[in-house]
Amino acid sequence: MNYNDFEKLYRSDAVVFHLAMDLFMESGRDLIESLSDTELAAEAARRLSGFFADGKIHEIVTAAKDFSAMRTIDLLAYASRCGINLEGAPVGQPGVCPVCGGKLGYQEPDSRGYYVLNWRCLDCGATGKECYRKTFDGHYDVRDAGGDLVDRRKPKE
């Protein structure tokens, strides 16, 4: 699996991506590689309790097999490039767009037990949420002006 295939799966079908990753992590590379597609599909169906159609189970199994064929370092590098937050650290600075570095314009607060400010960049049009837990916590759900999720870990050029 190359990076473009990995990112496409991550962005286009998060359910398949995450269930395949869970299947891969729980079963392990050796078991996945030793089972036939039929045996692996039966195991996936058992774990998913029949919530998914056979076609979706096949997609999950295929992705898990693709993950098992990857080197661990490549799997982690691809996850990082896709913007999957591996370490849980905050991203960004308050009031500064994590996409272009422009100034943020704030909308009404969206409070759910902590303080969240919805924002739109006044320069590039990106949107996101700025979260505070007594102090600035990070930017989440960052999207460009077209509404596409932005890779938060990509360094500003």
N, C-alpha and C. Protein backbone atom coordinates (compact mmCIF):
# COMPACT_ATOMS: atom_id res chain seq x y z
N MET A 1 0.86 -1.17 0.00
CA MET A 1 0.00 0.00 0.00
C MET A 1 0.90 1.22 0.00
N ASN A 2 0.69 2.12 -0.96
CA ASN A 2 1.49 3.35 -0.97
C ASN A 2 0.75 4.44 -0.18
N TYR A 3 1.42 5.57 0.02
CA TYR A 3 0.84 6.63 0.84
C TYR A 3 -0.48 7.14 0.26
N ASN A 4 -0.57 7.31 -1.05
CA ASN A 4 -1.81 7.83 -1.64
C ASN A 4 -2.99 6.90 -1.37
N ASP A 5 -2.78 5.59 -1.47
CA ASP A 5 -3.84 4.62 -1.16
C ASP A 5 -4.23 4.69 0.31
N PHE A 6 -3.22 4.81 1.18
CA PHE A 6 -3.45 4.91 2.62
C PHE A 6 -4.28 6.15 2.95
N GLU A 7 -3.86 7.29 2.41
CA GLU A 7 -4.56 8.55 2.68
C GLU A 7 -5.98 8.52 2.10
N LYS A 8 -6.14 7.97 0.90
CA LYS A 8 -7.46 7.89 0.29
C LYS A 8 -8.41 7.08 1.16
N LEU A 9 -7.95 5.94 1.66
CA LEU A 9 -8.78 5.12 2.54
C LEU A 9 -9.12 5.89 3.82
N TYR A 10 -8.12 6.54 4.41
CA TYR A 10 -8.33 7.29 5.65
C TYR A 10 -9.35 8.41 5.46
N ARG A 11 -9.25 9.15 4.36
CA ARG A 11 -10.13 10.29 4.14
C ARG A 11 -11.49 9.90 3.57
N SER A 12 -11.57 8.83 2.77
CA SER A 12 -12.82 8.51 2.09
C SER A 12 -13.73 7.58 2.89
N ASP A 13 -13.17 6.71 3.73
CA ASP A 13 -14.01 5.78 4.48
C ASP A 13 -13.39 5.52 5.84
N ALA A 14 -13.63 6.45 6.75
CA ALA A 14 -13.03 6.38 8.08
C ALA A 14 -13.45 5.12 8.83
N VAL A 15 -14.66 4.65 8.61
CA VAL A 15 -15.13 3.44 9.30
C VAL A 15 -14.29 2.24 8.88
N VAL A 16 -14.13 2.04 7.57
CA VAL A 16 -13.31 0.93 7.09
C VAL A 16 -11.89 1.09 7.58
N PHE A 17 -11.34 2.30 7.49
CA PHE A 17 -9.96 2.54 7.92
C PHE A 17 -9.76 2.13 9.37
N HIS A 18 -10.59 2.65 10.26
CA HIS A 18 -10.40 2.40 11.69
C HIS A 18 -10.68 0.96 12.07
N LEU A 19 -11.71 0.34 11.47
CA LEU A 19 -11.99 -1.06 11.77
C LEU A 19 -10.88 -1.97 11.24
N ALA A 20 -10.34 -1.64 10.06
CA ALA A 20 -9.23 -2.42 9.52
C ALA A 20 -7.99 -2.26 10.40
N MET A 21 -7.75 -1.04 10.87
CA MET A 21 -6.60 -0.81 11.75
C MET A 21 -6.79 -1.59 13.06
N ASP A 22 -8.01 -1.57 13.60
CA ASP A 22 -8.29 -2.34 14.82
C ASP A 22 -8.07 -3.84 14.58
N LEU A 23 -8.58 -4.34 13.46
CA LEU A 23 -8.41 -5.76 13.13
C LEU A 23 -6.93 -6.11 13.01
N PHE A 24 -6.19 -5.25 12.34
CA PHE A 24 -4.74 -5.46 12.18
C PHE A 24 -4.04 -5.45 13.53
N MET A 25 -4.34 -4.45 14.36
CA MET A 25 -3.65 -4.31 15.64
C MET A 25 -4.04 -5.44 16.61
N GLU A 26 -5.32 -5.84 16.60
CA GLU A 26 -5.75 -6.89 17.52
C GLU A 26 -5.31 -8.27 17.06
N SER A 27 -5.30 -8.52 15.76
CA SER A 27 -4.96 -9.85 15.25
C SER A 27 -3.46 -10.03 15.08
N GLY A 28 -2.80 -8.96 14.68
CA GLY A 28 -1.36 -9.04 14.47
C GLY A 28 -1.00 -9.46 13.06
N ARG A 29 0.13 -9.04 12.64
CA ARG A 29 0.64 -9.29 11.29
C ARG A 29 0.71 -10.78 10.97
N ASP A 30 1.26 -11.59 11.88
CA ASP A 30 1.46 -13.01 11.61
C ASP A 30 0.13 -13.73 11.39
N LEU A 31 -0.85 -13.46 12.23
CA LEU A 31 -2.14 -14.12 12.09
C LEU A 31 -2.83 -13.71 10.78
N ILE A 32 -2.83 -12.42 10.48
CA ILE A 32 -3.48 -11.94 9.25
C ILE A 32 -2.83 -12.56 8.03
N GLU A 33 -1.52 -12.62 8.01
CA GLU A 33 -0.83 -13.19 6.86
C GLU A 33 -1.02 -14.70 6.74
N SER A 34 -1.32 -15.38 7.86
CA SER A 34 -1.48 -16.83 7.81
C SER A 34 -2.91 -17.26 7.47
N LEU A 35 -3.90 -16.38 7.64
CA LEU A 35 -5.29 -16.73 7.36
C LEU A 35 -5.65 -16.45 5.91
N SER A 36 -6.56 -17.26 5.38
CA SER A 36 -7.09 -16.99 4.04
C SER A 36 -8.06 -15.82 4.15
N ASP A 37 -8.42 -15.23 3.02
CA ASP A 37 -9.38 -14.13 3.03
C ASP A 37 -10.70 -14.57 3.64
N THR A 38 -11.12 -15.79 3.36
CA THR A 38 -12.39 -16.32 3.90
C THR A 38 -12.32 -16.42 5.42
N GLU A 39 -11.21 -16.96 5.94
CA GLU A 39 -11.05 -17.10 7.39
C GLU A 39 -10.98 -15.73 8.07
N LEU A 40 -10.27 -14.80 7.44
CA LEU A 40 -10.15 -13.46 8.01
C LEU A 40 -11.50 -12.73 7.97
N ALA A 41 -12.25 -12.92 6.88
CA ALA A 41 -13.58 -12.30 6.78
C ALA A 41 -14.51 -12.85 7.86
N ALA A 42 -14.42 -14.17 8.12
CA ALA A 42 -15.25 -14.78 9.17
C ALA A 42 -14.88 -14.21 10.54
N GLU A 43 -13.58 -14.03 10.78
CA GLU A 43 -13.12 -13.44 12.05
C GLU A 43 -13.60 -12.00 12.19
N ALA A 44 -13.49 -11.24 11.10
CA ALA A 44 -13.95 -9.84 11.13
C ALA A 44 -15.45 -9.79 11.37
N ALA A 45 -16.22 -10.65 10.69
CA ALA A 45 -17.68 -10.67 10.86
C ALA A 45 -18.05 -11.03 12.31
N ARG A 46 -17.31 -11.97 12.89
CA ARG A 46 -17.56 -12.33 14.29
C ARG A 46 -17.32 -11.14 15.22
N ARG A 47 -16.22 -10.44 14.99
CA ARG A 47 -15.89 -9.29 15.84
C ARG A 47 -16.87 -8.13 15.66
N LEU A 48 -17.36 -7.96 14.45
CA LEU A 48 -18.25 -6.83 14.16
C LEU A 48 -19.72 -7.18 14.38
N SER A 49 -19.99 -8.38 14.85
CA SER A 49 -21.32 -8.83 15.23
C SER A 49 -22.37 -8.66 14.15
N GLY A 50 -22.01 -8.83 12.90
CA GLY A 50 -23.00 -8.78 11.82
C GLY A 50 -23.54 -7.40 11.50
N PHE A 51 -22.88 -6.36 11.96
CA PHE A 51 -23.35 -5.00 11.70
C PHE A 51 -23.06 -4.53 10.28
N PHE A 52 -22.19 -5.22 9.57
CA PHE A 52 -21.76 -4.78 8.25
C PHE A 52 -22.06 -5.83 7.19
N ALA A 53 -22.36 -5.36 5.99
CA ALA A 53 -22.59 -6.26 4.85
C ALA A 53 -21.29 -6.92 4.45
N ASP A 54 -21.41 -8.04 3.72
CA ASP A 54 -20.23 -8.79 3.30
C ASP A 54 -19.25 -7.92 2.50
N GLY A 55 -19.78 -7.02 1.66
CA GLY A 55 -18.91 -6.15 0.87
C GLY A 55 -18.05 -5.26 1.74
N LYS A 56 -18.64 -4.71 2.81
CA LYS A 56 -17.90 -3.84 3.73
C LYS A 56 -16.88 -4.67 4.51
N ILE A 57 -17.27 -5.88 4.92
CA ILE A 57 -16.34 -6.76 5.62
C ILE A 57 -15.13 -7.04 4.72
N HIS A 58 -15.40 -7.29 3.43
CA HIS A 58 -14.30 -7.55 2.48
C HIS A 58 -13.36 -6.33 2.39
N GLU A 59 -13.92 -5.10 2.38
CA GLU A 59 -13.08 -3.90 2.34
C GLU A 59 -12.22 -3.80 3.59
N ILE A 60 -12.80 -4.12 4.75
CA ILE A 60 -12.07 -4.07 6.01
C ILE A 60 -10.94 -5.09 6.01
N VAL A 61 -11.24 -6.31 5.57
CA VAL A 61 -10.23 -7.37 5.51
C VAL A 61 -9.11 -7.00 4.55
N THR A 62 -9.47 -6.47 3.39
CA THR A 62 -8.46 -6.07 2.40
C THR A 62 -7.54 -5.00 2.98
N ALA A 63 -8.13 -4.01 3.64
CA ALA A 63 -7.31 -2.95 4.23
C ALA A 63 -6.43 -3.50 5.34
N ALA A 64 -6.95 -4.38 6.19
CA ALA A 64 -6.15 -4.98 7.27
C ALA A 64 -4.98 -5.77 6.68
N LYS A 65 -5.23 -6.50 5.59
CA LYS A 65 -4.14 -7.25 4.94
C LYS A 65 -3.11 -6.29 4.35
N ASP A 66 -3.59 -5.19 3.77
CA ASP A 66 -2.66 -4.18 3.24
C ASP A 66 -1.82 -3.59 4.37
N PHE A 67 -2.44 -3.30 5.52
CA PHE A 67 -1.69 -2.78 6.66
C PHE A 67 -0.65 -3.80 7.12
N SER A 68 -1.02 -5.09 7.13
CA SER A 68 -0.10 -6.11 7.62
C SER A 68 1.11 -6.29 6.70
N ALA A 69 0.96 -5.90 5.44
CA ALA A 69 2.07 -6.02 4.49
C ALA A 69 3.05 -4.84 4.60
N MET A 70 2.67 -3.82 5.36
CA MET A 70 3.52 -2.63 5.48
C MET A 70 4.53 -2.80 6.61
N ARG A 71 5.66 -2.13 6.46
CA ARG A 71 6.60 -2.04 7.58
C ARG A 71 5.98 -1.11 8.62
N THR A 72 6.19 -1.39 9.88
CA THR A 72 5.61 -0.59 10.96
C THR A 72 6.01 0.87 10.84
N ILE A 73 7.25 1.14 10.51
CA ILE A 73 7.72 2.53 10.40
C ILE A 73 6.98 3.27 9.29
N ASP A 74 6.67 2.57 8.18
CA ASP A 74 5.91 3.19 7.11
C ASP A 74 4.47 3.45 7.53
N LEU A 75 3.88 2.49 8.24
CA LEU A 75 2.51 2.65 8.73
C LEU A 75 2.40 3.87 9.64
N LEU A 76 3.34 4.03 10.54
CA LEU A 76 3.33 5.19 11.44
C LEU A 76 3.60 6.49 10.69
N ALA A 77 4.52 6.46 9.72
CA ALA A 77 4.82 7.65 8.94
C ALA A 77 3.60 8.08 8.12
N TYR A 78 2.92 7.12 7.50
CA TYR A 78 1.72 7.43 6.72
C TYR A 78 0.64 8.02 7.62
N ALA A 79 0.45 7.42 8.79
CA ALA A 79 -0.56 7.92 9.73
C ALA A 79 -0.24 9.36 10.13
N SER A 80 1.01 9.63 10.39
CA SER A 80 1.41 10.98 10.77
C SER A 80 1.18 11.97 9.64
N ARG A 81 1.53 11.58 8.40
CA ARG A 81 1.33 12.47 7.24
C ARG A 81 -0.14 12.75 6.98
N CYS A 82 -1.01 11.80 7.30
CA CYS A 82 -2.45 11.98 7.09
C CYS A 82 -3.05 12.92 8.13
N GLY A 83 -2.29 13.21 9.17
CA GLY A 83 -2.81 14.09 10.21
C GLY A 83 -3.37 13.34 11.40
N ILE A 84 -3.17 12.02 11.44
CA ILE A 84 -3.61 11.26 12.60
C ILE A 84 -2.69 11.63 13.75
N ASN A 85 -3.26 12.16 14.80
CA ASN A 85 -2.48 12.66 15.92
C ASN A 85 -2.02 11.48 16.77
N LEU A 86 -0.74 11.11 16.67
CA LEU A 86 -0.22 9.95 17.37
C LEU A 86 0.14 10.24 18.82
N GLU A 87 0.48 11.45 19.14
CA GLU A 87 0.94 11.73 20.49
C GLU A 87 -0.04 12.55 21.32
N GLY A 88 -1.11 13.03 20.74
CA GLY A 88 -2.12 13.76 21.49
C GLY A 88 -1.68 15.15 21.93
N ALA A 89 -0.64 15.72 21.35
CA ALA A 89 -0.16 17.04 21.75
C ALA A 89 -1.00 18.13 21.10
N PRO A 90 -1.16 19.28 21.75
CA PRO A 90 -1.88 20.39 21.16
C PRO A 90 -1.17 20.90 19.90
N VAL A 91 -1.95 21.47 19.02
CA VAL A 91 -1.42 21.97 17.76
C VAL A 91 -1.78 23.44 17.62
N GLY A 92 -0.83 24.27 17.26
CA GLY A 92 -1.11 25.65 16.92
C GLY A 92 -0.95 26.64 18.05
N GLN A 93 -1.33 27.89 17.72
CA GLN A 93 -1.27 29.00 18.67
C GLN A 93 -2.62 29.69 18.66
N PRO A 94 -3.06 30.24 19.78
CA PRO A 94 -4.36 30.91 19.80
C PRO A 94 -4.38 32.12 18.87
N GLY A 95 -5.49 32.26 18.13
CA GLY A 95 -5.67 33.41 17.26
C GLY A 95 -4.93 33.36 15.94
N VAL A 96 -4.16 32.28 15.70
CA VAL A 96 -3.35 32.16 14.49
C VAL A 96 -3.84 30.96 13.68
N CYS A 97 -4.12 31.16 12.40
CA CYS A 97 -4.61 30.09 11.53
C CYS A 97 -3.52 29.01 11.38
N PRO A 98 -3.86 27.75 11.68
CA PRO A 98 -2.87 26.69 11.52
C PRO A 98 -2.61 26.32 10.06
N VAL A 99 -3.39 26.86 9.13
CA VAL A 99 -3.19 26.57 7.70
C VAL A 99 -2.24 27.58 7.08
N CYS A 100 -2.54 28.90 7.27
CA CYS A 100 -1.73 29.92 6.58
C CYS A 100 -1.03 30.91 7.50
N GLY A 101 -1.33 30.86 8.80
CA GLY A 101 -0.71 31.80 9.74
C GLY A 101 -1.46 33.11 9.84
N GLY A 102 -2.61 33.22 9.15
CA GLY A 102 -3.41 34.44 9.18
C GLY A 102 -4.16 34.63 10.49
N LYS A 103 -4.89 35.75 10.56
CA LYS A 103 -5.65 36.10 11.75
C LYS A 103 -7.00 35.38 11.72
N LEU A 104 -7.46 34.91 12.90
CA LEU A 104 -8.72 34.20 12.99
C LEU A 104 -9.85 35.14 13.39
N GLY A 105 -11.02 34.95 12.76
CA GLY A 105 -12.25 35.64 13.16
C GLY A 105 -13.11 34.63 13.89
N TYR A 106 -13.64 34.99 15.05
CA TYR A 106 -14.36 34.05 15.90
C TYR A 106 -15.86 34.18 15.74
N GLN A 107 -16.54 33.02 15.84
CA GLN A 107 -18.00 32.96 15.82
C GLN A 107 -18.48 32.70 17.24
N GLU A 108 -19.73 32.40 17.40
CA GLU A 108 -20.30 32.13 18.73
C GLU A 108 -19.59 30.96 19.41
N PRO A 109 -19.35 31.05 20.71
CA PRO A 109 -18.73 29.94 21.44
C PRO A 109 -19.61 28.69 21.39
N ASP A 110 -18.99 27.53 21.39
CA ASP A 110 -19.66 26.23 21.38
C ASP A 110 -19.16 25.48 22.61
N SER A 111 -19.83 25.66 23.75
CA SER A 111 -19.33 25.15 25.01
C SER A 111 -19.95 23.79 25.35
N ARG A 112 -19.08 22.82 25.67
CA ARG A 112 -19.51 21.47 26.04
C ARG A 112 -18.67 20.98 27.23
N GLY A 113 -18.71 21.66 28.34
CA GLY A 113 -17.90 21.25 29.48
C GLY A 113 -16.50 21.85 29.45
N TYR A 114 -16.14 22.45 28.35
CA TYR A 114 -14.90 23.19 28.20
C TYR A 114 -15.23 24.30 27.21
N TYR A 115 -14.32 25.17 26.92
CA TYR A 115 -14.63 26.32 26.08
C TYR A 115 -14.09 26.11 24.68
N VAL A 116 -14.99 26.15 23.70
CA VAL A 116 -14.62 25.96 22.31
C VAL A 116 -15.07 27.17 21.51
N LEU A 117 -14.16 27.73 20.72
CA LEU A 117 -14.49 28.85 19.84
C LEU A 117 -14.43 28.39 18.40
N ASN A 118 -15.52 28.55 17.66
CA ASN A 118 -15.51 28.28 16.22
C ASN A 118 -14.83 29.47 15.55
N TRP A 119 -14.01 29.18 14.54
CA TRP A 119 -13.31 30.28 13.87
C TRP A 119 -13.30 30.10 12.36
N ARG A 120 -13.04 31.21 11.68
CA ARG A 120 -12.80 31.24 10.23
C ARG A 120 -11.60 32.15 10.03
N CYS A 121 -10.63 31.69 9.23
CA CYS A 121 -9.46 32.50 8.96
C CYS A 121 -9.86 33.68 8.08
N LEU A 122 -9.46 34.86 8.48
CA LEU A 122 -9.78 36.06 7.72
C LEU A 122 -8.96 36.17 6.45
N ASP A 123 -7.87 35.38 6.34
CA ASP A 123 -7.02 35.43 5.15
C ASP A 123 -7.35 34.33 4.14
N CYS A 124 -7.36 33.05 4.58
CA CYS A 124 -7.52 31.94 3.61
C CYS A 124 -8.90 31.30 3.61
N GLY A 125 -9.74 31.62 4.60
CA GLY A 125 -11.09 31.07 4.64
C GLY A 125 -11.21 29.72 5.32
N ALA A 126 -10.10 29.16 5.85
CA ALA A 126 -10.15 27.89 6.56
C ALA A 126 -11.04 28.04 7.79
N THR A 127 -11.61 26.92 8.27
CA THR A 127 -12.44 26.94 9.48
C THR A 127 -11.91 25.91 10.46
N GLY A 128 -12.31 26.05 11.71
CA GLY A 128 -11.91 25.09 12.72
C GLY A 128 -12.48 25.46 14.07
N LYS A 129 -11.99 24.80 15.09
CA LYS A 129 -12.42 25.05 16.46
C LYS A 129 -11.18 25.27 17.31
N GLU A 130 -11.22 26.28 18.14
CA GLU A 130 -10.13 26.55 19.06
C GLU A 130 -10.62 26.15 20.44
N CYS A 131 -9.89 25.26 21.09
CA CYS A 131 -10.33 24.68 22.35
C CYS A 131 -9.49 25.19 23.52
N TYR A 132 -10.17 25.50 24.61
CA TYR A 132 -9.50 25.94 25.83
C TYR A 132 -9.93 25.06 26.99
N ARG A 133 -8.98 24.63 27.75
CA ARG A 133 -9.23 23.95 29.02
C ARG A 133 -8.41 24.71 30.05
N LYS A 134 -8.95 25.82 30.48
CA LYS A 134 -8.28 26.79 31.34
C LYS A 134 -7.21 27.56 30.58
N THR A 135 -6.54 26.95 29.61
CA THR A 135 -5.58 27.61 28.74
C THR A 135 -5.82 27.12 27.32
N PHE A 136 -5.20 27.75 26.34
CA PHE A 136 -5.33 27.31 24.95
C PHE A 136 -4.90 25.85 24.85
N ASP A 137 -5.72 25.03 24.16
CA ASP A 137 -5.46 23.60 24.05
C ASP A 137 -5.02 23.18 22.65
N GLY A 138 -5.53 23.81 21.62
CA GLY A 138 -5.14 23.43 20.26
C GLY A 138 -6.25 23.71 19.27
N HIS A 139 -5.97 23.50 17.98
CA HIS A 139 -6.95 23.65 16.90
C HIS A 139 -7.41 22.26 16.48
N TYR A 140 -8.71 22.12 16.26
CA TYR A 140 -9.30 20.85 15.87
C TYR A 140 -10.24 21.05 14.70
N ASP A 141 -10.52 20.00 13.96
CA ASP A 141 -11.49 20.04 12.86
C ASP A 141 -11.15 21.17 11.89
N VAL A 142 -9.88 21.31 11.51
CA VAL A 142 -9.42 22.39 10.62
C VAL A 142 -9.74 22.01 9.19
N ARG A 143 -10.41 22.92 8.48
CA ARG A 143 -10.81 22.68 7.09
C ARG A 143 -10.41 23.88 6.24
N ASP A 144 -10.00 23.61 4.98
CA ASP A 144 -9.67 24.71 4.09
C ASP A 144 -10.95 25.37 3.59
N ALA A 145 -10.83 26.40 2.77
CA ALA A 145 -11.99 27.16 2.31
C ALA A 145 -12.97 26.28 1.54
N GLY A 146 -12.52 25.17 0.95
CA GLY A 146 -13.39 24.25 0.22
C GLY A 146 -14.06 23.22 1.13
N GLY A 147 -13.73 23.23 2.42
CA GLY A 147 -14.35 22.31 3.37
C GLY A 147 -13.58 21.02 3.58
N ASP A 148 -12.40 20.86 2.93
CA ASP A 148 -11.62 19.63 3.09
C ASP A 148 -10.79 19.68 4.36
N LEU A 149 -10.70 18.55 5.06
CA LEU A 149 -9.92 18.45 6.28
C LEU A 149 -8.45 18.73 5.96
N VAL A 150 -7.80 19.54 6.79
CA VAL A 150 -6.42 19.96 6.57
C VAL A 150 -5.49 19.12 7.44
N ASP A 151 -4.35 18.70 6.87
CA ASP A 151 -3.33 17.97 7.60
C ASP A 151 -2.72 18.93 8.61
N ARG A 152 -3.05 18.77 9.89
CA ARG A 152 -2.61 19.71 10.94
C ARG A 152 -1.12 19.63 11.19
N ARG A 153 -0.50 18.53 10.83
CA ARG A 153 0.90 18.34 11.17
C ARG A 153 1.82 18.85 10.06
N LYS A 154 1.25 19.24 8.92
CA LYS A 154 2.06 19.72 7.81
C LYS A 154 2.66 21.10 8.16
N PRO A 155 3.95 21.23 8.08
CA PRO A 155 4.57 22.52 8.43
C PRO A 155 4.17 23.62 7.44
N LYS A 156 4.00 24.83 7.98
CA LYS A 156 3.66 25.98 7.15
C LYS A 156 4.84 26.32 6.26
N GLU A 157 4.54 26.54 4.97
CA GLU A 157 5.61 26.84 4.01
C GLU A 157 5.98 28.31 4.03
